[in-house]
């Protein structure tokens, strides 16, 4: 993962991406006991398909292996999720927490935005970790985020309510 973070920071320096933050399973691992996760989910600030295509062209031109949605960076499968697909992703990257991973500067989604993204995906494995993440969350901020980014297709506050009910 360290080499992947170095590469991501290089992408920022070269202007290929504006900014990024770690999401998904590795973000969960930042806040909780480690869980098994396949790849590194990177949320990137991008406003157009053209920028997203340029990212993949960058890796293709340097002969990186691409498998399905993953770019293999120094042996690590990395999935890039551009911010233009969702205002939630945009907000999550812009408000991400600055961290250092073995001395490498990076950013990770805040626990509240991480929960919101997990509620969006709403997979069984996400439902299992959300109760543990809630212990670290600012519930007022989380409810504000869920209200701002939830909709009929993804009623985030209803999904959180179902998880909370299952805990009682």
C-alpha atoms as a PDB file:
ATOM      1  CA  UNK A   1       0.000   0.000   0.000  1.00  0.00           C
ATOM      2  CA  UNK A   2       2.890   2.371   0.727  1.00  0.00           C
ATOM      3  CA  UNK A   3       4.061   2.333  -2.888  1.00  0.00           C
ATOM      4  CA  UNK A   4       0.510   2.933  -4.080  1.00  0.00           C
ATOM      5  CA  UNK A   5       0.295   6.007  -1.804  1.00  0.00           C
ATOM      6  CA  UNK A   6       3.615   7.285  -3.143  1.00  0.00           C
ATOM      7  CA  UNK A   7       2.247   6.906  -6.668  1.00  0.00           C
ATOM      8  CA  UNK A   8      -0.959   8.743  -5.722  1.00  0.00           C
ATOM      9  CA  UNK A   9       1.056  11.614  -4.263  1.00  0.00           C
ATOM     10  CA  UNK A  10       3.092  11.716  -7.488  1.00  0.00           C
ATOM     11  CA  UNK A  11      -0.161  11.926  -9.472  1.00  0.00           C
ATOM     12  CA  UNK A  12      -1.106  14.961  -7.375  1.00  0.00           C
ATOM     13  CA  UNK A  13       2.268  16.619  -7.891  1.00  0.00           C
ATOM     14  CA  UNK A  14       2.013  16.071 -11.656  1.00  0.00           C
ATOM     15  CA  UNK A  15      -1.552  17.412 -11.769  1.00  0.00           C
ATOM     16  CA  UNK A  16      -3.067  14.153 -13.034  1.00  0.00           C
ATOM     17  CA  UNK A  17      -5.454  14.275 -10.058  1.00  0.00           C
ATOM     18  CA  UNK A  18      -6.432  17.241  -7.916  1.00  0.00           C
ATOM     19  CA  UNK A  19      -6.762  15.368  -4.641  1.00  0.00           C
ATOM     20  CA  UNK A  20      -7.656  11.961  -3.258  1.00  0.00           C
ATOM     21  CA  UNK A  21      -8.700  10.146  -0.099  1.00  0.00           C
ATOM     22  CA  UNK A  22      -8.684   6.528   0.996  1.00  0.00           C
ATOM     23  CA  UNK A  23     -12.142   4.997   1.310  1.00  0.00           C
ATOM     24  CA  UNK A  24     -13.625   1.514   1.510  1.00  0.00           C
ATOM     25  CA  UNK A  25     -12.044  -1.314   3.461  1.00  0.00           C
ATOM     26  CA  UNK A  26      -8.708   0.391   4.050  1.00  0.00           C
ATOM     27  CA  UNK A  27     -10.513   3.396   5.535  1.00  0.00           C
ATOM     28  CA  UNK A  28     -12.456   1.010   7.774  1.00  0.00           C
ATOM     29  CA  UNK A  29      -9.115  -0.505   8.794  1.00  0.00           C
ATOM     30  CA  UNK A  30      -7.878   2.961   9.762  1.00  0.00           C
ATOM     31  CA  UNK A  31     -10.675   3.295  12.330  1.00  0.00           C
ATOM     32  CA  UNK A  32     -11.243  -0.316  13.434  1.00  0.00           C
ATOM     33  CA  UNK A  33      -9.494  -3.637  13.837  1.00  0.00           C
ATOM     34  CA  UNK A  34      -8.238  -4.763  10.426  1.00  0.00           C
ATOM     35  CA  UNK A  35     -10.654  -6.569   8.141  1.00  0.00           C
ATOM     36  CA  UNK A  36      -9.856  -8.452   4.978  1.00  0.00           C
ATOM     37  CA  UNK A  37     -10.199  -6.258   1.915  1.00  0.00           C
ATOM     38  CA  UNK A  38      -9.169  -6.897  -1.668  1.00  0.00           C
ATOM     39  CA  UNK A  39      -8.233  -3.540  -3.121  1.00  0.00           C
ATOM     40  CA  UNK A  40      -7.600   0.044  -2.248  1.00  0.00           C
ATOM     41  CA  UNK A  41     -10.604   2.302  -2.937  1.00  0.00           C
ATOM     42  CA  UNK A  42      -9.420   5.793  -3.822  1.00  0.00           C
ATOM     43  CA  UNK A  43     -11.912   8.624  -4.048  1.00  0.00           C
ATOM     44  CA  UNK A  44     -10.519  11.301  -6.401  1.00  0.00           C
ATOM     45  CA  UNK A  45     -11.520  14.882  -7.124  1.00  0.00           C
ATOM     46  CA  UNK A  46     -12.367  14.950 -10.817  1.00  0.00           C
ATOM     47  CA  UNK A  47     -15.018  16.952 -12.607  1.00  0.00           C
ATOM     48  CA  UNK A  48     -15.180  15.262 -16.023  1.00  0.00           C
ATOM     49  CA  UNK A  49     -14.958  11.944 -17.823  1.00  0.00           C
ATOM     50  CA  UNK A  50     -12.023  13.455 -19.720  1.00  0.00           C
ATOM     51  CA  UNK A  51     -10.008  13.738 -16.481  1.00  0.00           C
ATOM     52  CA  UNK A  52     -10.932  10.167 -15.566  1.00  0.00           C
ATOM     53  CA  UNK A  53      -9.849   8.919 -18.994  1.00  0.00           C
ATOM     54  CA  UNK A  54      -6.585  10.845 -18.656  1.00  0.00           C
ATOM     55  CA  UNK A  55      -5.912   9.016 -15.390  1.00  0.00           C
ATOM     56  CA  UNK A  56      -6.271   5.639 -17.075  1.00  0.00           C
ATOM     57  CA  UNK A  57      -4.205   6.858 -20.039  1.00  0.00           C
ATOM     58  CA  UNK A  58      -1.457   7.865 -17.589  1.00  0.00           C
ATOM     59  CA  UNK A  59      -1.293   4.320 -16.271  1.00  0.00           C
ATOM     60  CA  UNK A  60      -1.609   2.669 -19.697  1.00  0.00           C
ATOM     61  CA  UNK A  61       1.253   4.777 -21.065  1.00  0.00           C
ATOM     62  CA  UNK A  62       3.442   3.569 -18.196  1.00  0.00           C
ATOM     63  CA  UNK A  63       2.472  -0.071 -18.808  1.00  0.00           C
ATOM     64  CA  UNK A  64       0.588  -0.580 -15.543  1.00  0.00           C
ATOM     65  CA  UNK A  65      -1.605  -3.664 -15.462  1.00  0.00           C
ATOM     66  CA  UNK A  66      -5.348  -2.940 -15.548  1.00  0.00           C
ATOM     67  CA  UNK A  67      -7.780  -5.650 -14.401  1.00  0.00           C
ATOM     68  CA  UNK A  68     -11.486  -4.854 -14.639  1.00  0.00           C
ATOM     69  CA  UNK A  69     -11.921  -1.669 -12.560  1.00  0.00           C
ATOM     70  CA  UNK A  70      -8.550  -2.007 -10.834  1.00  0.00           C
ATOM     71  CA  UNK A  71      -5.208  -0.512 -11.738  1.00  0.00           C
ATOM     72  CA  UNK A  72      -2.442  -2.606 -10.213  1.00  0.00           C
ATOM     73  CA  UNK A  73       0.005  -0.221  -8.551  1.00  0.00           C
ATOM     74  CA  UNK A  74       3.087  -1.967  -7.180  1.00  0.00           C
ATOM     75  CA  UNK A  75       1.050  -5.147  -6.646  1.00  0.00           C
ATOM     76  CA  UNK A  76      -1.900  -3.356  -5.029  1.00  0.00           C
ATOM     77  CA  UNK A  77      -5.269  -3.367  -6.856  1.00  0.00           C
ATOM     78  CA  UNK A  78      -6.548   0.238  -6.784  1.00  0.00           C
ATOM     79  CA  UNK A  79     -10.041   1.320  -7.783  1.00  0.00           C
ATOM     80  CA  UNK A  80     -10.520   5.000  -8.532  1.00  0.00           C
ATOM     81  CA  UNK A  81     -13.943   6.511  -7.796  1.00  0.00           C
ATOM     82  CA  UNK A  82     -14.224   9.996  -9.337  1.00  0.00           C
ATOM     83  CA  UNK A  83     -16.073  12.726  -7.489  1.00  0.00           C
ATOM     84  CA  UNK A  84     -18.195  13.653 -10.508  1.00  0.00           C
ATOM     85  CA  UNK A  85     -20.267  10.487 -10.024  1.00  0.00           C
ATOM     86  CA  UNK A  86     -21.622  11.683  -6.682  1.00  0.00           C
ATOM     87  CA  UNK A  87     -21.710  14.873  -4.616  1.00  0.00           C
ATOM     88  CA  UNK A  88     -21.121  12.604  -1.594  1.00  0.00           C
ATOM     89  CA  UNK A  89     -17.742  11.512  -2.971  1.00  0.00           C
ATOM     90  CA  UNK A  90     -16.822  15.124  -3.723  1.00  0.00           C
ATOM     91  CA  UNK A  91     -17.672  16.199  -0.179  1.00  0.00           C
ATOM     92  CA  UNK A  92     -15.910  13.184   1.295  1.00  0.00           C
ATOM     93  CA  UNK A  93     -12.620  13.974  -0.454  1.00  0.00           C
ATOM     94  CA  UNK A  94     -12.778  17.694   0.298  1.00  0.00           C
ATOM     95  CA  UNK A  95     -13.339  17.039   4.015  1.00  0.00           C
ATOM     96  CA  UNK A  96     -11.038  14.031   4.379  1.00  0.00           C
ATOM     97  CA  UNK A  97      -8.692  13.717   7.310  1.00  0.00           C
ATOM     98  CA  UNK A  98      -4.971  14.222   6.718  1.00  0.00           C
ATOM     99  CA  UNK A  99      -2.922  11.255   7.910  1.00  0.00           C
ATOM    100  CA  UNK A 100       0.495   9.706   7.515  1.00  0.00           C
ATOM    101  CA  UNK A 101       0.910   6.036   6.674  1.00  0.00           C
ATOM    102  CA  UNK A 102       4.436   4.928   7.580  1.00  0.00           C
ATOM    103  CA  UNK A 103       5.556   8.509   7.005  1.00  0.00           C
ATOM    104  CA  UNK A 104       3.722   8.936   3.673  1.00  0.00           C
ATOM    105  CA  UNK A 105       1.221  11.815   3.672  1.00  0.00           C
ATOM    106  CA  UNK A 106      -2.269  10.824   2.638  1.00  0.00           C
ATOM    107  CA  UNK A 107      -5.925  11.431   3.425  1.00  0.00           C
ATOM    108  CA  UNK A 108      -8.672   9.123   4.659  1.00  0.00           C
ATOM    109  CA  UNK A 109     -12.407   9.711   4.675  1.00  0.00           C
ATOM    110  CA  UNK A 110     -13.674  10.994   8.005  1.00  0.00           C
ATOM    111  CA  UNK A 111     -15.627   8.387   9.907  1.00  0.00           C
ATOM    112  CA  UNK A 112     -18.901  10.205   9.173  1.00  0.00           C
ATOM    113  CA  UNK A 113     -18.310  10.320   5.404  1.00  0.00           C
ATOM    114  CA  UNK A 114     -17.048   6.734   5.485  1.00  0.00           C
ATOM    115  CA  UNK A 115     -20.304   5.619   7.116  1.00  0.00           C
ATOM    116  CA  UNK A 116     -22.295   7.557   4.505  1.00  0.00           C
ATOM    117  CA  UNK A 117     -20.412   5.874   1.642  1.00  0.00           C
ATOM    118  CA  UNK A 118     -20.913   2.460   3.253  1.00  0.00           C
ATOM    119  CA  UNK A 119     -24.624   3.192   3.618  1.00  0.00           C
ATOM    120  CA  UNK A 120     -24.693   4.049  -0.081  1.00  0.00           C
ATOM    121  CA  UNK A 121     -23.195   0.675  -1.031  1.00  0.00           C
ATOM    122  CA  UNK A 122     -25.181  -1.075   1.735  1.00  0.00           C
ATOM    123  CA  UNK A 123     -23.552  -4.469   1.226  1.00  0.00           C
ATOM    124  CA  UNK A 124     -23.739  -7.079   4.024  1.00  0.00           C
ATOM    125  CA  UNK A 125     -20.079  -6.502   4.940  1.00  0.00           C
ATOM    126  CA  UNK A 126     -20.746  -2.747   5.193  1.00  0.00           C
ATOM    127  CA  UNK A 127     -23.750  -3.315   7.465  1.00  0.00           C
ATOM    128  CA  UNK A 128     -21.511  -5.336   9.794  1.00  0.00           C
ATOM    129  CA  UNK A 129     -18.886  -2.615  10.340  1.00  0.00           C
ATOM    130  CA  UNK A 130     -21.152   0.428  10.501  1.00  0.00           C
ATOM    131  CA  UNK A 131     -22.262  -0.187  14.136  1.00  0.00           C
ATOM    132  CA  UNK A 132     -18.611  -0.218  15.221  1.00  0.00           C
ATOM    133  CA  UNK A 133     -17.814   2.942  13.261  1.00  0.00           C
ATOM    134  CA  UNK A 134     -20.802   4.700  14.855  1.00  0.00           C
ATOM    135  CA  UNK A 135     -19.007   4.545  18.201  1.00  0.00           C
ATOM    136  CA  UNK A 136     -16.471   7.058  16.807  1.00  0.00           C
ATOM    137  CA  UNK A 137     -18.892   9.218  14.820  1.00  0.00           C
ATOM    138  CA  UNK A 138     -20.227  12.667  15.591  1.00  0.00           C
ATOM    139  CA  UNK A 139     -23.909  11.763  15.201  1.00  0.00           C
ATOM    140  CA  UNK A 140     -25.020  15.356  14.590  1.00  0.00           C
ATOM    141  CA  UNK A 141     -22.531  15.655  11.716  1.00  0.00           C
ATOM    142  CA  UNK A 142     -23.402  12.197  10.399  1.00  0.00           C
ATOM    143  CA  UNK A 143     -27.134  12.992  10.341  1.00  0.00           C
ATOM    144  CA  UNK A 144     -26.384  16.270   8.538  1.00  0.00           C
ATOM    145  CA  UNK A 145     -24.358  14.402   5.887  1.00  0.00           C
ATOM    146  CA  UNK A 146     -27.049  11.731   5.490  1.00  0.00           C
ATOM    147  CA  UNK A 147     -29.731  14.371   5.088  1.00  0.00           C
ATOM    148  CA  UNK A 148     -27.694  16.288   2.529  1.00  0.00           C
ATOM    149  CA  UNK A 149     -26.708  13.326   0.360  1.00  0.00           C
ATOM    150  CA  UNK A 150     -29.539  10.831   0.803  1.00  0.00           C
ATOM    151  CA  UNK A 151     -32.317  10.547  -1.749  1.00  0.00           C
ATOM    152  CA  UNK A 152     -35.121   8.177  -2.772  1.00  0.00           C
ATOM    153  CA  UNK A 153     -32.667   5.882  -4.551  1.00  0.00           C
ATOM    154  CA  UNK A 154     -30.376   5.729  -1.526  1.00  0.00           C
ATOM    155  CA  UNK A 155     -32.330   6.759   1.608  1.00  0.00           C
ATOM    156  CA  UNK A 156     -29.248   6.892   3.810  1.00  0.00           C
ATOM    157  CA  UNK A 157     -31.025   7.937   6.995  1.00  0.00           C
ATOM    158  CA  UNK A 158     -33.541   5.083   6.589  1.00  0.00           C
ATOM    159  CA  UNK A 159     -30.702   2.636   6.021  1.00  0.00           C
ATOM    160  CA  UNK A 160     -28.955   3.832   9.173  1.00  0.00           C
ATOM    161  CA  UNK A 161     -32.238   3.528  11.079  1.00  0.00           C
ATOM    162  CA  UNK A 162     -32.575  -0.109   9.983  1.00  0.00           C
ATOM    163  CA  UNK A 163     -29.073  -0.863  11.223  1.00  0.00           C
ATOM    164  CA  UNK A 164     -29.740   0.856  14.562  1.00  0.00           C
ATOM    165  CA  UNK A 165     -33.024  -1.065  14.976  1.00  0.00           C
ATOM    166  CA  UNK A 166     -31.218  -4.347  14.389  1.00  0.00           C
ATOM    167  CA  UNK A 167     -28.902  -3.550  17.300  1.00  0.00           C
ATOM    168  CA  UNK A 168     -31.704  -3.292  19.835  1.00  0.00           C
END
